[in-house]
Amino acid sequence: MYLPVDVFKGLCKKQKTGIRPEDPQCDLFEKMPKCKFCAMYTEDGKDIGKCNMKAMTYPDLPALHCTAFQWIQQN
């Protein structure tokens, strides 16, 4: 997982090495669960949506502790 340190650099969480946002992803990359990747999320407009058709949320909000999170099925 890429952890931003500031606008110029970050860390590869698994390898504990420094990387820049434009560098290729580290070999141990895992997609972070975010609202925009959840099957319960519906987009209402630019940079806003609803969770489970009820609560307003941001698409890039991390869903690390969301008990209802379900990955969108990829075809």
PDB file of N, CA and C in Angstrom:
ATOM      1  N   MET A   1       0.851  -1.172   0.000  1.00  0.00           N
ATOM      2  CA  MET A   1       0.000   0.000   0.000  1.00  0.00           C
ATOM      3  C   MET A   1       0.897   1.235   0.000  1.00  0.00           C
ATOM      4  N   TYR A   2       0.539   2.224  -0.761  1.00  0.00           N
ATOM      5  CA  TYR A   2       1.279   3.484  -0.831  1.00  0.00           C
ATOM      6  C   TYR A   2       0.789   4.392   0.271  1.00  0.00           C
ATOM      7  N   LEU A   3       1.696   4.820   1.126  1.00  0.00           N
ATOM      8  CA  LEU A   3       1.367   5.752   2.198  1.00  0.00           C
ATOM      9  C   LEU A   3       2.001   7.103   1.879  1.00  0.00           C
ATOM     10  N   PRO A   4       1.189   8.133   1.611  1.00  0.00           N
ATOM     11  CA  PRO A   4       1.779   9.436   1.290  1.00  0.00           C
ATOM     12  C   PRO A   4       2.445  10.050   2.524  1.00  0.00           C
ATOM     13  N   VAL A   5       3.641  10.590   2.333  1.00  0.00           N
ATOM     14  CA  VAL A   5       4.348  11.300   3.394  1.00  0.00           C
ATOM     15  C   VAL A   5       4.116  12.798   3.217  1.00  0.00           C
ATOM     16  N   ASP A   6       4.262  13.252   1.988  1.00  0.00           N
ATOM     17  CA  ASP A   6       3.926  14.619   1.607  1.00  0.00           C
ATOM     18  C   ASP A   6       3.579  14.591   0.120  1.00  0.00           C
ATOM     19  N   VAL A   7       3.481  15.741  -0.532  1.00  0.00           N
ATOM     20  CA  VAL A   7       3.068  15.760  -1.935  1.00  0.00           C
ATOM     21  C   VAL A   7       4.138  15.236  -2.881  1.00  0.00           C
ATOM     22  N   PHE A   8       5.369  15.057  -2.412  1.00  0.00           N
ATOM     23  CA  PHE A   8       6.473  14.643  -3.272  1.00  0.00           C
ATOM     24  C   PHE A   8       6.907  13.199  -3.097  1.00  0.00           C
ATOM     25  N   LYS A   9       6.565  12.573  -1.988  1.00  0.00           N
ATOM     26  CA  LYS A   9       7.041  11.207  -1.753  1.00  0.00           C
ATOM     27  C   LYS A   9       6.097  10.448  -0.832  1.00  0.00           C
ATOM     28  N   GLY A  10       6.306   9.132  -0.829  1.00  0.00           N
ATOM     29  CA  GLY A  10       5.531   8.269   0.038  1.00  0.00           C
ATOM     30  C   GLY A  10       6.340   7.038   0.398  1.00  0.00           C
ATOM     31  N   LEU A  11       5.692   6.069   1.004  1.00  0.00           N
ATOM     32  CA  LEU A  11       6.334   4.826   1.410  1.00  0.00           C
ATOM     33  C   LEU A  11       5.555   3.641   0.892  1.00  0.00           C
ATOM     34  N   CYS A  12       6.269   2.604   0.474  1.00  0.00           N
ATOM     35  CA  CYS A  12       5.638   1.329   0.188  1.00  0.00           C
ATOM     36  C   CYS A  12       5.494   0.648   1.544  1.00  0.00           C
ATOM     37  N   LYS A  13       4.281   0.468   2.007  1.00  0.00           N
ATOM     38  CA  LYS A  13       4.033  -0.027   3.366  1.00  0.00           C
ATOM     39  C   LYS A  13       4.637  -1.417   3.590  1.00  0.00           C
ATOM     40  N   LYS A  14       4.567  -2.293   2.602  1.00  0.00           N
ATOM     41  CA  LYS A  14       5.076  -3.656   2.763  1.00  0.00           C
ATOM     42  C   LYS A  14       6.599  -3.708   2.767  1.00  0.00           C
ATOM     43  N   GLN A  15       7.238  -2.992   1.794  1.00  0.00           N
ATOM     44  CA  GLN A  15       8.690  -3.056   1.672  1.00  0.00           C
ATOM     45  C   GLN A  15       9.412  -2.028   2.534  1.00  0.00           C
ATOM     46  N   LYS A  16       8.659  -1.069   3.074  1.00  0.00           N
ATOM     47  CA  LYS A  16       9.226  -0.008   3.907  1.00  0.00           C
ATOM     48  C   LYS A  16      10.295   0.800   3.153  1.00  0.00           C
ATOM     49  N   THR A  17      10.051   1.029   1.863  1.00  0.00           N
ATOM     50  CA  THR A  17      10.966   1.810   1.041  1.00  0.00           C
ATOM     51  C   THR A  17      10.276   3.066   0.533  1.00  0.00           C
ATOM     52  N   GLY A  18      11.052   4.099   0.283  1.00  0.00           N
ATOM     53  CA  GLY A  18      10.508   5.346  -0.231  1.00  0.00           C
ATOM     54  C   GLY A  18      10.180   5.248  -1.712  1.00  0.00           C
ATOM     55  N   ILE A  19       9.036   5.799  -2.108  1.00  0.00           N
ATOM     56  CA  ILE A  19       8.641   5.863  -3.515  1.00  0.00           C
ATOM     57  C   ILE A  19       7.941   7.184  -3.771  1.00  0.00           C
ATOM     58  N   ARG A  20       7.966   7.602  -5.038  1.00  0.00           N
ATOM     59  CA  ARG A  20       7.251   8.809  -5.439  1.00  0.00           C
ATOM     60  C   ARG A  20       5.917   8.389  -6.054  1.00  0.00           C
ATOM     61  N   PRO A  21       4.911   9.262  -6.050  1.00  0.00           N
ATOM     62  CA  PRO A  21       3.599   8.901  -6.613  1.00  0.00           C
ATOM     63  C   PRO A  21       3.663   8.453  -8.069  1.00  0.00           C
ATOM     64  N   GLU A  22       4.612   8.987  -8.852  1.00  0.00           N
ATOM     65  CA  GLU A  22       4.688   8.627 -10.270  1.00  0.00           C
ATOM     66  C   GLU A  22       5.526   7.369 -10.524  1.00  0.00           C
ATOM     67  N   ASP A  23       6.182   6.808  -9.497  1.00  0.00           N
ATOM     68  CA  ASP A  23       6.960   5.573  -9.654  1.00  0.00           C
ATOM     69  C   ASP A  23       6.029   4.386  -9.885  1.00  0.00           C
ATOM     70  N   PRO A  24       6.549   3.315 -10.514  1.00  0.00           N
ATOM     71  CA  PRO A  24       5.728   2.103 -10.648  1.00  0.00           C
ATOM     72  C   PRO A  24       5.367   1.560  -9.263  1.00  0.00           C
ATOM     73  N   GLN A  25       4.228   0.899  -9.178  1.00  0.00           N
ATOM     74  CA  GLN A  25       3.805   0.374  -7.876  1.00  0.00           C
ATOM     75  C   GLN A  25       4.781  -0.682  -7.373  1.00  0.00           C
ATOM     76  N   CYS A  26       4.868  -0.825  -6.060  1.00  0.00           N
ATOM     77  CA  CYS A  26       5.766  -1.838  -5.514  1.00  0.00           C
ATOM     78  C   CYS A  26       5.198  -3.236  -5.796  1.00  0.00           C
ATOM     79  N   ASP A  27       6.061  -4.223  -5.789  1.00  0.00           N
ATOM     80  CA  ASP A  27       5.673  -5.591  -6.147  1.00  0.00           C
ATOM     81  C   ASP A  27       4.604  -6.172  -5.227  1.00  0.00           C
ATOM     82  N   LEU A  28       4.530  -5.693  -4.014  1.00  0.00           N
ATOM     83  CA  LEU A  28       3.584  -6.233  -3.035  1.00  0.00           C
ATOM     84  C   LEU A  28       2.329  -5.370  -2.921  1.00  0.00           C
ATOM     85  N   PHE A  29       1.975  -4.681  -3.988  1.00  0.00           N
ATOM     86  CA  PHE A  29       0.842  -3.754  -4.000  1.00  0.00           C
ATOM     87  C   PHE A  29      -0.473  -4.451  -3.662  1.00  0.00           C
ATOM     88  N   GLU A  30      -1.254  -3.833  -2.788  1.00  0.00           N
ATOM     89  CA  GLU A  30      -2.619  -4.270  -2.479  1.00  0.00           C
ATOM     90  C   GLU A  30      -3.530  -3.065  -2.638  1.00  0.00           C
ATOM     91  N   LYS A  31      -4.648  -3.234  -3.311  1.00  0.00           N
ATOM     92  CA  LYS A  31      -5.590  -2.139  -3.496  1.00  0.00           C
ATOM     93  C   LYS A  31      -6.232  -1.806  -2.153  1.00  0.00           C
ATOM     94  N   MET A  32      -6.237  -0.519  -1.803  1.00  0.00           N
ATOM     95  CA  MET A  32      -6.837  -0.075  -0.545  1.00  0.00           C
ATOM     96  C   MET A  32      -8.353  -0.014  -0.701  1.00  0.00           C
ATOM     97  N   PRO A  33      -9.093  -0.581   0.226  1.00  0.00           N
ATOM     98  CA  PRO A  33     -10.551  -0.461   0.138  1.00  0.00           C
ATOM     99  C   PRO A  33     -10.982   1.000   0.329  1.00  0.00           C
ATOM    100  N   LYS A  34     -11.657   1.529  -0.664  1.00  0.00           N
ATOM    101  CA  LYS A  34     -12.202   2.883  -0.602  1.00  0.00           C
ATOM    102  C   LYS A  34     -13.655   2.811  -1.029  1.00  0.00           C
ATOM    103  N   CYS A  35     -14.422   3.805  -0.658  1.00  0.00           N
ATOM    104  CA  CYS A  35     -15.849   3.820  -0.981  1.00  0.00           C
ATOM    105  C   CYS A  35     -16.094   3.615  -2.475  1.00  0.00           C
ATOM    106  N   LYS A  36     -15.262   4.221  -3.337  1.00  0.00           N
ATOM    107  CA  LYS A  36     -15.478   4.116  -4.783  1.00  0.00           C
ATOM    108  C   LYS A  36     -15.277   2.698  -5.317  1.00  0.00           C
ATOM    109  N   PHE A  37     -14.659   1.817  -4.553  1.00  0.00           N
ATOM    110  CA  PHE A  37     -14.467   0.425  -4.958  1.00  0.00           C
ATOM    111  C   PHE A  37     -15.510  -0.504  -4.355  1.00  0.00           C
ATOM    112  N   CYS A  38     -16.457   0.041  -3.608  1.00  0.00           N
ATOM    113  CA  CYS A  38     -17.450  -0.760  -2.892  1.00  0.00           C
ATOM    114  C   CYS A  38     -18.724  -0.928  -3.723  1.00  0.00           C
ATOM    115  N   ALA A  39     -19.301  -2.108  -3.657  1.00  0.00           N
ATOM    116  CA  ALA A  39     -20.547  -2.394  -4.371  1.00  0.00           C
ATOM    117  C   ALA A  39     -21.719  -1.585  -3.812  1.00  0.00           C
ATOM    118  N   MET A  40     -21.602  -1.086  -2.600  1.00  0.00           N
ATOM    119  CA  MET A  40     -22.675  -0.307  -1.959  1.00  0.00           C
ATOM    120  C   MET A  40     -22.637   1.178  -2.340  1.00  0.00           C
ATOM    121  N   TYR A  41     -21.580   1.603  -3.026  1.00  0.00           N
ATOM    122  CA  TYR A  41     -21.395   3.021  -3.356  1.00  0.00           C
ATOM    123  C   TYR A  41     -22.051   3.361  -4.687  1.00  0.00           C
ATOM    124  N   THR A  42     -22.801   4.468  -4.708  1.00  0.00           N
ATOM    125  CA  THR A  42     -23.354   5.000  -5.948  1.00  0.00           C
ATOM    126  C   THR A  42     -22.950   6.468  -6.067  1.00  0.00           C
ATOM    127  N   GLU A  43     -22.472   6.839  -7.237  1.00  0.00           N
ATOM    128  CA  GLU A  43     -22.008   8.206  -7.465  1.00  0.00           C
ATOM    129  C   GLU A  43     -23.197   9.130  -7.679  1.00  0.00           C
ATOM    130  N   ASP A  44     -23.197  10.254  -6.961  1.00  0.00           N
ATOM    131  CA  ASP A  44     -24.255  11.259  -7.098  1.00  0.00           C
ATOM    132  C   ASP A  44     -23.798  12.470  -7.890  1.00  0.00           C
ATOM    133  N   GLY A  45     -22.537  12.669  -7.972  1.00  0.00           N
ATOM    134  CA  GLY A  45     -21.967  13.815  -8.666  1.00  0.00           C
ATOM    135  C   GLY A  45     -20.468  13.724  -8.589  1.00  0.00           C
ATOM    136  N   LYS A  46     -19.795  14.768  -9.052  1.00  0.00           N
ATOM    137  CA  LYS A  46     -18.335  14.753  -9.010  1.00  0.00           C
ATOM    138  C   LYS A  46     -17.864  14.831  -7.556  1.00  0.00           C
ATOM    139  N   ASP A  47     -17.082  13.854  -7.149  1.00  0.00           N
ATOM    140  CA  ASP A  47     -16.467  13.802  -5.818  1.00  0.00           C
ATOM    141  C   ASP A  47     -17.467  13.643  -4.671  1.00  0.00           C
ATOM    142  N   ILE A  48     -18.624  13.071  -4.938  1.00  0.00           N
ATOM    143  CA  ILE A  48     -19.601  12.795  -3.862  1.00  0.00           C
ATOM    144  C   ILE A  48     -20.486  11.626  -4.293  1.00  0.00           C
ATOM    145  N   GLY A  49     -20.965  10.887  -3.329  1.00  0.00           N
ATOM    146  CA  GLY A  49     -21.839   9.762  -3.622  1.00  0.00           C
ATOM    147  C   GLY A  49     -22.575   9.324  -2.372  1.00  0.00           C
ATOM    148  N   LYS A  50     -23.233   8.181  -2.472  1.00  0.00           N
ATOM    149  CA  LYS A  50     -23.985   7.654  -1.338  1.00  0.00           C
ATOM    150  C   LYS A  50     -23.551   6.229  -1.038  1.00  0.00           C
ATOM    151  N   CYS A  51     -23.514   5.926   0.233  1.00  0.00           N
ATOM    152  CA  CYS A  51     -23.236   4.579   0.698  1.00  0.00           C
ATOM    153  C   CYS A  51     -24.575   3.908   0.971  1.00  0.00           C
ATOM    154  N   ASN A  52     -24.805   2.787   0.311  1.00  0.00           N
ATOM    155  CA  ASN A  52     -26.028   2.018   0.510  1.00  0.00           C
ATOM    156  C   ASN A  52     -27.281   2.863   0.257  1.00  0.00           C
ATOM    157  N   MET A  53     -27.158   3.811  -0.694  1.00  0.00           N
ATOM    158  CA  MET A  53     -28.261   4.702  -1.093  1.00  0.00           C
ATOM    159  C   MET A  53     -28.764   5.599   0.044  1.00  0.00           C
ATOM    160  N   LYS A  54     -27.972   5.743   1.122  1.00  0.00           N
ATOM    161  CA  LYS A  54     -28.409   6.541   2.273  1.00  0.00           C
ATOM    162  C   LYS A  54     -27.408   7.621   2.650  1.00  0.00           C
ATOM    163  N   ALA A  55     -26.285   7.238   3.216  1.00  0.00           N
ATOM    164  CA  ALA A  55     -25.320   8.184   3.774  1.00  0.00           C
ATOM    165  C   ALA A  55     -24.445   8.795   2.683  1.00  0.00           C
ATOM    166  N   MET A  56     -24.283  10.112   2.720  1.00  0.00           N
ATOM    167  CA  MET A  56     -23.392  10.796   1.783  1.00  0.00           C
ATOM    168  C   MET A  56     -21.954  10.458   2.151  1.00  0.00           C
ATOM    169  N   THR A  57     -21.113  10.257   1.125  1.00  0.00           N
ATOM    170  CA  THR A  57     -19.711   9.925   1.357  1.00  0.00           C
ATOM    171  C   THR A  57     -18.864  10.382   0.181  1.00  0.00           C
ATOM    172  N   TYR A  58     -17.574  10.426   0.403  1.00  0.00           N
ATOM    173  CA  TYR A  58     -16.618  10.786  -0.634  1.00  0.00           C
ATOM    174  C   TYR A  58     -16.064   9.505  -1.259  1.00  0.00           C
ATOM    175  N   PRO A  59     -15.847   9.480  -2.581  1.00  0.00           N
ATOM    176  CA  PRO A  59     -15.378   8.254  -3.226  1.00  0.00           C
ATOM    177  C   PRO A  59     -14.003   7.791  -2.753  1.00  0.00           C
ATOM    178  N   ASP A  60     -13.114   8.715  -2.395  1.00  0.00           N
ATOM    179  CA  ASP A  60     -11.765   8.347  -1.966  1.00  0.00           C
ATOM    180  C   ASP A  60     -11.645   8.133  -0.459  1.00  0.00           C
ATOM    181  N   LEU A  61     -12.755   8.114   0.243  1.00  0.00           N
ATOM    182  CA  LEU A  61     -12.725   7.861   1.688  1.00  0.00           C
ATOM    183  C   LEU A  61     -12.296   6.420   1.938  1.00  0.00           C
ATOM    184  N   PRO A  62     -11.232   6.201   2.732  1.00  0.00           N
ATOM    185  CA  PRO A  62     -10.807   4.825   3.021  1.00  0.00           C
ATOM    186  C   PRO A  62     -11.897   4.069   3.780  1.00  0.00           C
ATOM    187  N   ALA A  63     -12.107   2.837   3.381  1.00  0.00           N
ATOM    188  CA  ALA A  63     -13.137   2.000   4.011  1.00  0.00           C
ATOM    189  C   ALA A  63     -12.497   0.852   4.797  1.00  0.00           C
ATOM    190  N   LEU A  64     -11.381   1.140   5.434  1.00  0.00           N
ATOM    191  CA  LEU A  64     -10.630   0.110   6.141  1.00  0.00           C
ATOM    192  C   LEU A  64     -11.412  -0.519   7.295  1.00  0.00           C
ATOM    193  N   HIS A  65     -12.258   0.244   7.944  1.00  0.00           N
ATOM    194  CA  HIS A  65     -12.995  -0.255   9.106  1.00  0.00           C
ATOM    195  C   HIS A  65     -14.493  -0.409   8.839  1.00  0.00           C
ATOM    196  N   CYS A  66     -14.881  -0.336   7.575  1.00  0.00           N
ATOM    197  CA  CYS A  66     -16.293  -0.456   7.205  1.00  0.00           C
ATOM    198  C   CYS A  66     -16.688  -1.936   7.204  1.00  0.00           C
ATOM    199  N   THR A  67     -17.651  -2.299   8.021  1.00  0.00           N
ATOM    200  CA  THR A  67     -18.073  -3.703   8.103  1.00  0.00           C
ATOM    201  C   THR A  67     -18.964  -4.107   6.930  1.00  0.00           C
ATOM    202  N   ALA A  68     -19.526  -3.144   6.195  1.00  0.00           N
ATOM    203  CA  ALA A  68     -20.403  -3.459   5.067  1.00  0.00           C
ATOM    204  C   ALA A  68     -19.663  -3.437   3.721  1.00  0.00           C
ATOM    205  N   PHE A  69     -18.358  -3.182   3.718  1.00  0.00           N
ATOM    206  CA  PHE A  69     -17.605  -3.055   2.474  1.00  0.00           C
ATOM    207  C   PHE A  69     -17.610  -4.361   1.690  1.00  0.00           C
ATOM    208  N   GLN A  70     -17.908  -4.241   0.371  1.00  0.00           N
ATOM    209  CA  GLN A  70     -17.865  -5.383  -0.551  1.00  0.00           C
ATOM    210  C   GLN A  70     -17.213  -4.889  -1.836  1.00  0.00           C
ATOM    211  N   TRP A  71     -16.161  -5.576  -2.291  1.00  0.00           N
ATOM    212  CA  TRP A  71     -15.485  -5.190  -3.527  1.00  0.00           C
ATOM    213  C   TRP A  71     -16.466  -5.285  -4.697  1.00  0.00           C
ATOM    214  N   ILE A  72     -16.379  -4.339  -5.628  1.00  0.00           N
ATOM    215  CA  ILE A  72     -17.154  -4.388  -6.861  1.00  0.00           C
ATOM    216  C   ILE A  72     -16.674  -5.599  -7.668  1.00  0.00           C
ATOM    217  N   GLN A  73     -17.582  -6.356  -8.211  1.00  0.00           N
ATOM    218  CA  GLN A  73     -17.215  -7.515  -9.016  1.00  0.00           C
ATOM    219  C   GLN A  73     -16.672  -7.054 -10.356  1.00  0.00           C
ATOM    220  N   GLN A  74     -15.480  -7.506 -10.709  1.00  0.00           N
ATOM    221  CA  GLN A  74     -14.853  -7.173 -11.991  1.00  0.00           C
ATOM    222  C   GLN A  74     -15.248  -8.224 -13.031  1.00  0.00           C
ATOM    223  N   ASN A  75     -15.612  -7.783 -14.215  1.00  0.00           N
ATOM    224  CA  ASN A  75     -15.963  -8.720 -15.291  1.00  0.00           C
ATOM    225  C   ASN A  75     -14.763  -9.107 -16.109  1.00  0.00           C
TER     226      ASN A  75
END
